Amino acid sequence: MNDAYRKFAEKFHHLEAVFVDNTFDFGLKINYHPPKNVGVDRIIAAFAAVEKYGKPCIVGDFGTATTIDAVNSRGEYLGGIIAAGMSLLADALARKTSKLPRVEIRKPEKVIGSSTIRSIQSGIYFGYVGLVDGIISRMIDELGEMPRVIATGGFAEIIAESSVRIEIVDETLMLDGLRLIYEKTISIKPMGEIND
């Protein structure tokens, strides 16, 4: 697909496409083994969080999967966790059990569910918030310094409503990261190589 996107950008927009991968200079030391195995989306989110909010930071991306990653005050991307997202959890309960229905993911009014649907919603929501806050608390202990905690992704806002650790919800963090990367790429090219 990269070649198709490259041709599309050149033909219809007269722009050179920039493809971000693990070899890009994010200005972070990648302490992940091996570095090529870390998802570039995780590095982009960490890069954007550092650029926008400073370091140290912890950034959680809450979508189909959840990633929570840490950058210390020395600018080292340390890695983090990968877990199933809330929608995968809800799907697994519905598919892998014989009588539990698929439920809408939402914040329940209270923890104690008074019906099967409310009990599932409570388990998914409050269980997930507990998972997130527990992991972030452990990461803070391992960092040994107080980071900014940023959330992004489709479930970021709903999780942040009840989280005691998430400080900032940034819905455009990944897009801002891509823009910042593009601007950095343009600024290091010789003037003759930039397409108007």
C-alpha atoms as a PDB file:
ATOM      1  CA  MET A   1       0.000   0.000   0.000  1.00  0.00           C
ATOM      2  CA  ASN A   2       2.917   2.375   0.595  1.00  0.00           C
ATOM      3  CA  ASP A   3       3.654   2.643  -3.129  1.00  0.00           C
ATOM      4  CA  ALA A   4      -0.010   3.407  -3.887  1.00  0.00           C
ATOM      5  CA  TYR A   5      -0.099   6.138  -1.214  1.00  0.00           C
ATOM      6  CA  ARG A   6       3.187   7.586  -2.474  1.00  0.00           C
ATOM      7  CA  LYS A   7       1.883   7.802  -6.052  1.00  0.00           C
ATOM      8  CA  PHE A   8      -1.464   9.229  -4.899  1.00  0.00           C
ATOM      9  CA  ALA A   9       0.242  11.984  -2.871  1.00  0.00           C
ATOM     10  CA  GLU A  10       2.535  12.914  -5.755  1.00  0.00           C
ATOM     11  CA  LYS A  11      -0.092  12.787  -8.510  1.00  0.00           C
ATOM     12  CA  PHE A  12      -3.046  14.467  -6.803  1.00  0.00           C
ATOM     13  CA  HIS A  13      -1.451  16.641  -4.120  1.00  0.00           C
ATOM     14  CA  HIS A  14       2.059  17.250  -5.486  1.00  0.00           C
ATOM     15  CA  LEU A  15       3.471  16.194  -2.126  1.00  0.00           C
ATOM     16  CA  GLU A  16       6.059  13.682  -1.085  1.00  0.00           C
ATOM     17  CA  ALA A  17       4.589  11.080   1.254  1.00  0.00           C
ATOM     18  CA  VAL A  18       6.487  10.526   4.499  1.00  0.00           C
ATOM     19  CA  PHE A  19       6.297   6.996   5.919  1.00  0.00           C
ATOM     20  CA  VAL A  20       7.100   6.733   9.606  1.00  0.00           C
ATOM     21  CA  ASP A  21       8.771   3.583  10.873  1.00  0.00           C
ATOM     22  CA  ASN A  22      11.012   2.552  13.745  1.00  0.00           C
ATOM     23  CA  THR A  23      14.114   4.009  12.078  1.00  0.00           C
ATOM     24  CA  PHE A  24      12.803   7.581  12.315  1.00  0.00           C
ATOM     25  CA  ASP A  25      14.647   9.906  14.716  1.00  0.00           C
ATOM     26  CA  PHE A  26      11.999  10.639  17.347  1.00  0.00           C
ATOM     27  CA  GLY A  27      14.492  12.298  19.674  1.00  0.00           C
ATOM     28  CA  LEU A  28      13.902   9.480  22.164  1.00  0.00           C
ATOM     29  CA  LYS A  29      16.282   6.707  23.137  1.00  0.00           C
ATOM     30  CA  ILE A  30      14.308   3.514  22.494  1.00  0.00           C
ATOM     31  CA  ASN A  31      14.950   1.064  25.344  1.00  0.00           C
ATOM     32  CA  TYR A  32      12.881  -1.772  23.908  1.00  0.00           C
ATOM     33  CA  HIS A  33      14.273  -5.138  22.882  1.00  0.00           C
ATOM     34  CA  PRO A  34      14.567  -5.416  19.996  1.00  0.00           C
ATOM     35  CA  PRO A  35      13.734  -1.782  19.118  1.00  0.00           C
ATOM     36  CA  LYS A  36      12.301  -2.767  15.713  1.00  0.00           C
ATOM     37  CA  ASN A  37       9.536  -4.758  17.442  1.00  0.00           C
ATOM     38  CA  VAL A  38       7.899  -1.826  19.225  1.00  0.00           C
ATOM     39  CA  GLY A  39       4.805  -0.638  17.356  1.00  0.00           C
ATOM     40  CA  VAL A  40       5.462   2.638  15.596  1.00  0.00           C
ATOM     41  CA  ASP A  41       2.066   3.884  16.850  1.00  0.00           C
ATOM     42  CA  ARG A  42       3.339   3.518  20.417  1.00  0.00           C
ATOM     43  CA  ILE A  43       6.467   5.529  19.645  1.00  0.00           C
ATOM     44  CA  ILE A  44       4.465   8.229  17.843  1.00  0.00           C
ATOM     45  CA  ALA A  45       2.145   8.597  20.855  1.00  0.00           C
ATOM     46  CA  ALA A  46       5.111   8.810  23.242  1.00  0.00           C
ATOM     47  CA  PHE A  47       6.895  11.307  20.970  1.00  0.00           C
ATOM     48  CA  ALA A  48       3.768  13.486  20.715  1.00  0.00           C
ATOM     49  CA  ALA A  49       3.191  13.361  24.487  1.00  0.00           C
ATOM     50  CA  VAL A  50       6.780  14.464  25.151  1.00  0.00           C
ATOM     51  CA  GLU A  51       6.550  17.258  22.564  1.00  0.00           C
ATOM     52  CA  LYS A  52       3.219  18.555  23.877  1.00  0.00           C
ATOM     53  CA  TYR A  53       3.454  17.908  27.633  1.00  0.00           C
ATOM     54  CA  GLY A  54       7.106  17.292  28.478  1.00  0.00           C
ATOM     55  CA  LYS A  55       8.873  14.445  30.182  1.00  0.00           C
ATOM     56  CA  PRO A  56       8.624  12.258  32.137  1.00  0.00           C
ATOM     57  CA  CYS A  57       5.263  11.062  30.890  1.00  0.00           C
ATOM     58  CA  ILE A  58       3.038   8.040  30.664  1.00  0.00           C
ATOM     59  CA  VAL A  59       0.741   7.796  27.664  1.00  0.00           C
ATOM     60  CA  GLY A  60      -2.197   5.428  27.344  1.00  0.00           C
ATOM     61  CA  ASP A  61      -3.805   4.712  23.990  1.00  0.00           C
ATOM     62  CA  PHE A  62      -7.242   3.187  24.558  1.00  0.00           C
ATOM     63  CA  GLY A  63      -8.745   1.589  21.471  1.00  0.00           C
ATOM     64  CA  THR A  64      -9.285  -1.987  20.322  1.00  0.00           C
ATOM     65  CA  ALA A  65      -6.095  -2.758  22.199  1.00  0.00           C
ATOM     66  CA  THR A  66      -4.720  -0.712  25.067  1.00  0.00           C
ATOM     67  CA  THR A  67      -1.110   0.361  25.285  1.00  0.00           C
ATOM     68  CA  ILE A  68       0.347   2.281  28.207  1.00  0.00           C
ATOM     69  CA  ASP A  69       3.936   3.424  27.752  1.00  0.00           C
ATOM     70  CA  ALA A  70       6.489   5.371  29.770  1.00  0.00           C
ATOM     71  CA  VAL A  71       9.146   7.946  28.907  1.00  0.00           C
ATOM     72  CA  ASN A  72      11.504   9.020  31.676  1.00  0.00           C
ATOM     73  CA  SER A  73      12.994  12.469  32.293  1.00  0.00           C
ATOM     74  CA  ARG A  74      16.132  11.477  30.331  1.00  0.00           C
ATOM     75  CA  GLY A  75      14.022  11.043  27.189  1.00  0.00           C
ATOM     76  CA  GLU A  76      14.180   7.256  27.192  1.00  0.00           C
ATOM     77  CA  TYR A  77      11.194   5.373  25.827  1.00  0.00           C
ATOM     78  CA  LEU A  78      11.071   2.481  28.287  1.00  0.00           C
ATOM     79  CA  GLY A  79       8.215   0.435  26.830  1.00  0.00           C
ATOM     80  CA  GLY A  80       5.038  -0.449  28.658  1.00  0.00           C
ATOM     81  CA  ILE A  81       2.070  -2.776  28.442  1.00  0.00           C
ATOM     82  CA  ILE A  82      -0.285  -4.113  25.802  1.00  0.00           C
ATOM     83  CA  ALA A  83      -3.720  -5.338  26.896  1.00  0.00           C
ATOM     84  CA  ALA A  84      -7.045  -6.139  25.299  1.00  0.00           C
ATOM     85  CA  GLY A  85      -9.265  -3.078  25.053  1.00  0.00           C
ATOM     86  CA  MET A  86     -12.718  -2.757  26.604  1.00  0.00           C
ATOM     87  CA  SER A  87     -14.489  -3.707  23.376  1.00  0.00           C
ATOM     88  CA  LEU A  88     -12.431  -6.910  23.085  1.00  0.00           C
ATOM     89  CA  LEU A  89     -13.287  -7.729  26.685  1.00  0.00           C
ATOM     90  CA  ALA A  90     -17.005  -7.219  26.008  1.00  0.00           C
ATOM     91  CA  ASP A  91     -16.796  -9.310  22.813  1.00  0.00           C
ATOM     92  CA  ALA A  92     -14.968 -12.132  24.588  1.00  0.00           C
ATOM     93  CA  LEU A  93     -17.615 -12.311  27.335  1.00  0.00           C
ATOM     94  CA  ALA A  94     -20.397 -12.515  24.750  1.00  0.00           C
ATOM     95  CA  ARG A  95     -18.628 -15.050  22.497  1.00  0.00           C
ATOM     96  CA  LYS A  96     -16.981 -17.292  25.048  1.00  0.00           C
ATOM     97  CA  THR A  97     -19.890 -17.690  27.472  1.00  0.00           C
ATOM     98  CA  SER A  98     -23.204 -19.334  26.723  1.00  0.00           C
ATOM     99  CA  LYS A  99     -25.625 -16.873  28.320  1.00  0.00           C
ATOM    100  CA  LEU A 100     -23.943 -13.472  28.583  1.00  0.00           C
ATOM    101  CA  PRO A 101     -25.043 -10.888  26.004  1.00  0.00           C
ATOM    102  CA  ARG A 102     -22.927  -8.288  24.214  1.00  0.00           C
ATOM    103  CA  VAL A 103     -23.445  -4.990  26.043  1.00  0.00           C
ATOM    104  CA  GLU A 104     -22.933  -1.333  25.288  1.00  0.00           C
ATOM    105  CA  ILE A 105     -19.747  -0.055  26.891  1.00  0.00           C
ATOM    106  CA  ARG A 106     -20.613   2.823  29.158  1.00  0.00           C
ATOM    107  CA  LYS A 107     -20.019   4.127  32.652  1.00  0.00           C
ATOM    108  CA  PRO A 108     -22.619   2.610  35.008  1.00  0.00           C
ATOM    109  CA  GLU A 109     -24.254   4.724  37.687  1.00  0.00           C
ATOM    110  CA  LYS A 110     -22.947   2.408  40.395  1.00  0.00           C
ATOM    111  CA  VAL A 111     -20.595  -0.527  40.813  1.00  0.00           C
ATOM    112  CA  ILE A 112     -23.153  -3.012  42.122  1.00  0.00           C
ATOM    113  CA  GLY A 113     -25.106  -4.104  39.059  1.00  0.00           C
ATOM    114  CA  SER A 114     -28.799  -4.900  39.592  1.00  0.00           C
ATOM    115  CA  SER A 115     -29.189  -6.852  36.338  1.00  0.00           C
ATOM    116  CA  THR A 116     -27.008  -9.045  34.139  1.00  0.00           C
ATOM    117  CA  ILE A 117     -26.424  -6.228  31.656  1.00  0.00           C
ATOM    118  CA  ARG A 118     -25.604  -3.709  34.398  1.00  0.00           C
ATOM    119  CA  SER A 119     -23.333  -6.245  36.115  1.00  0.00           C
ATOM    120  CA  ILE A 120     -21.402  -6.842  32.880  1.00  0.00           C
ATOM    121  CA  GLN A 121     -21.141  -3.109  32.204  1.00  0.00           C
ATOM    122  CA  SER A 122     -19.894  -2.538  35.740  1.00  0.00           C
ATOM    123  CA  GLY A 123     -17.370  -5.347  35.518  1.00  0.00           C
ATOM    124  CA  ILE A 124     -16.025  -4.138  32.200  1.00  0.00           C
ATOM    125  CA  TYR A 125     -15.955  -0.442  33.076  1.00  0.00           C
ATOM    126  CA  PHE A 126     -14.841  -0.404  36.710  1.00  0.00           C
ATOM    127  CA  GLY A 127     -12.612  -3.426  36.188  1.00  0.00           C
ATOM    128  CA  TYR A 128     -10.902  -1.620  33.339  1.00  0.00           C
ATOM    129  CA  VAL A 129     -10.462   1.613  35.273  1.00  0.00           C
ATOM    130  CA  GLY A 130      -8.903  -0.429  38.086  1.00  0.00           C
ATOM    131  CA  LEU A 131      -6.578  -2.117  35.599  1.00  0.00           C
ATOM    132  CA  VAL A 132      -5.514   1.241  34.148  1.00  0.00           C
ATOM    133  CA  ASP A 133      -4.957   2.981  37.492  1.00  0.00           C
ATOM    134  CA  GLY A 134      -3.160  -0.061  38.901  1.00  0.00           C
ATOM    135  CA  ILE A 135      -0.770  -0.300  35.959  1.00  0.00           C
ATOM    136  CA  ILE A 136      -0.081   3.441  35.931  1.00  0.00           C
ATOM    137  CA  SER A 137       0.589   3.409  39.699  1.00  0.00           C
ATOM    138  CA  ARG A 138       3.094   0.579  39.268  1.00  0.00           C
ATOM    139  CA  MET A 139       4.756   2.402  36.361  1.00  0.00           C
ATOM    140  CA  ILE A 140       5.104   5.552  38.478  1.00  0.00           C
ATOM    141  CA  ASP A 141       6.751   3.470  41.221  1.00  0.00           C
ATOM    142  CA  GLU A 142       9.197   1.981  38.694  1.00  0.00           C
ATOM    143  CA  LEU A 143       9.960   5.368  37.152  1.00  0.00           C
ATOM    144  CA  GLY A 144      10.764   6.868  40.537  1.00  0.00           C
ATOM    145  CA  GLU A 145       9.583  10.271  39.322  1.00  0.00           C
ATOM    146  CA  MET A 146       6.201  11.920  38.840  1.00  0.00           C
ATOM    147  CA  PRO A 147       5.141  11.907  35.172  1.00  0.00           C
ATOM    148  CA  ARG A 148       2.331  13.633  33.335  1.00  0.00           C
ATOM    149  CA  VAL A 149      -0.301  11.023  32.448  1.00  0.00           C
ATOM    150  CA  ILE A 150      -1.974  11.445  29.071  1.00  0.00           C
ATOM    151  CA  ALA A 151      -4.765   9.370  27.501  1.00  0.00           C
ATOM    152  CA  THR A 152      -5.786   9.131  23.865  1.00  0.00           C
ATOM    153  CA  GLY A 153      -7.881   6.804  21.721  1.00  0.00           C
ATOM    154  CA  GLY A 154     -11.556   5.995  21.417  1.00  0.00           C
ATOM    155  CA  PHE A 155     -12.091   4.987  25.054  1.00  0.00           C
ATOM    156  CA  ALA A 156      -9.792   7.596  26.632  1.00  0.00           C
ATOM    157  CA  GLU A 157     -12.481  10.011  27.741  1.00  0.00           C
ATOM    158  CA  ILE A 158     -14.780   7.422  29.326  1.00  0.00           C
ATOM    159  CA  ILE A 159     -11.871   5.805  31.207  1.00  0.00           C
ATOM    160  CA  ALA A 160     -10.508   9.169  32.350  1.00  0.00           C
ATOM    161  CA  GLU A 161     -13.894  10.034  33.911  1.00  0.00           C
ATOM    162  CA  SER A 162     -13.220   7.614  36.769  1.00  0.00           C
ATOM    163  CA  SER A 163      -9.438   7.285  36.678  1.00  0.00           C
ATOM    164  CA  VAL A 164      -7.485   8.868  39.526  1.00  0.00           C
ATOM    165  CA  ARG A 165      -4.252   8.769  37.495  1.00  0.00           C
ATOM    166  CA  ILE A 166      -5.131  10.192  34.067  1.00  0.00           C
ATOM    167  CA  GLU A 167      -4.568  13.961  33.980  1.00  0.00           C
ATOM    168  CA  ILE A 168      -5.051  14.833  30.325  1.00  0.00           C
ATOM    169  CA  VAL A 169      -7.270  13.458  27.564  1.00  0.00           C
ATOM    170  CA  ASP A 170      -5.871  14.377  24.160  1.00  0.00           C
ATOM    171  CA  GLU A 171      -8.067  13.111  21.347  1.00  0.00           C
ATOM    172  CA  THR A 172      -5.689  14.345  18.633  1.00  0.00           C
ATOM    173  CA  LEU A 173      -2.407  13.144  20.138  1.00  0.00           C
ATOM    174  CA  MET A 174      -1.584  10.707  17.311  1.00  0.00           C
ATOM    175  CA  LEU A 175      -2.510  13.182  14.578  1.00  0.00           C
ATOM    176  CA  ASP A 176      -0.473  15.897  16.298  1.00  0.00           C
ATOM    177  CA  GLY A 177       2.420  13.444  16.516  1.00  0.00           C
ATOM    178  CA  LEU A 178       2.238  12.754  12.786  1.00  0.00           C
ATOM    179  CA  ARG A 179       2.093  16.491  12.063  1.00  0.00           C
ATOM    180  CA  LEU A 180       5.105  17.157  14.308  1.00  0.00           C
ATOM    181  CA  ILE A 181       7.024  14.336  12.624  1.00  0.00           C
ATOM    182  CA  TYR A 182       6.183  15.734   9.189  1.00  0.00           C
ATOM    183  CA  GLU A 183       7.278  19.229  10.228  1.00  0.00           C
ATOM    184  CA  LYS A 184      10.520  17.814  11.624  1.00  0.00           C
ATOM    185  CA  THR A 185      11.112  15.882   8.387  1.00  0.00           C
ATOM    186  CA  ILE A 186      10.503  18.959   6.245  1.00  0.00           C
ATOM    187  CA  SER A 187      12.778  21.140   8.402  1.00  0.00           C
ATOM    188  CA  ILE A 188      15.773  18.810   7.976  1.00  0.00           C
ATOM    189  CA  LYS A 189      15.516  18.464   4.185  1.00  0.00           C
ATOM    190  CA  PRO A 190      17.563  20.695   1.896  1.00  0.00           C
ATOM    191  CA  MET A 191      15.324  23.392   0.404  1.00  0.00           C
ATOM    192  CA  GLY A 192      15.554  21.933  -3.112  1.00  0.00           C
ATOM    193  CA  GLU A 193      13.944  18.669  -1.937  1.00  0.00           C
ATOM    194  CA  ILE A 194      10.722  20.170  -0.591  1.00  0.00           C
ATOM    195  CA  ASN A 195       7.715  20.021  -2.895  1.00  0.00           C
ATOM    196  CA  ASP A 196       5.329  22.977  -2.898  1.00  0.00           C
END
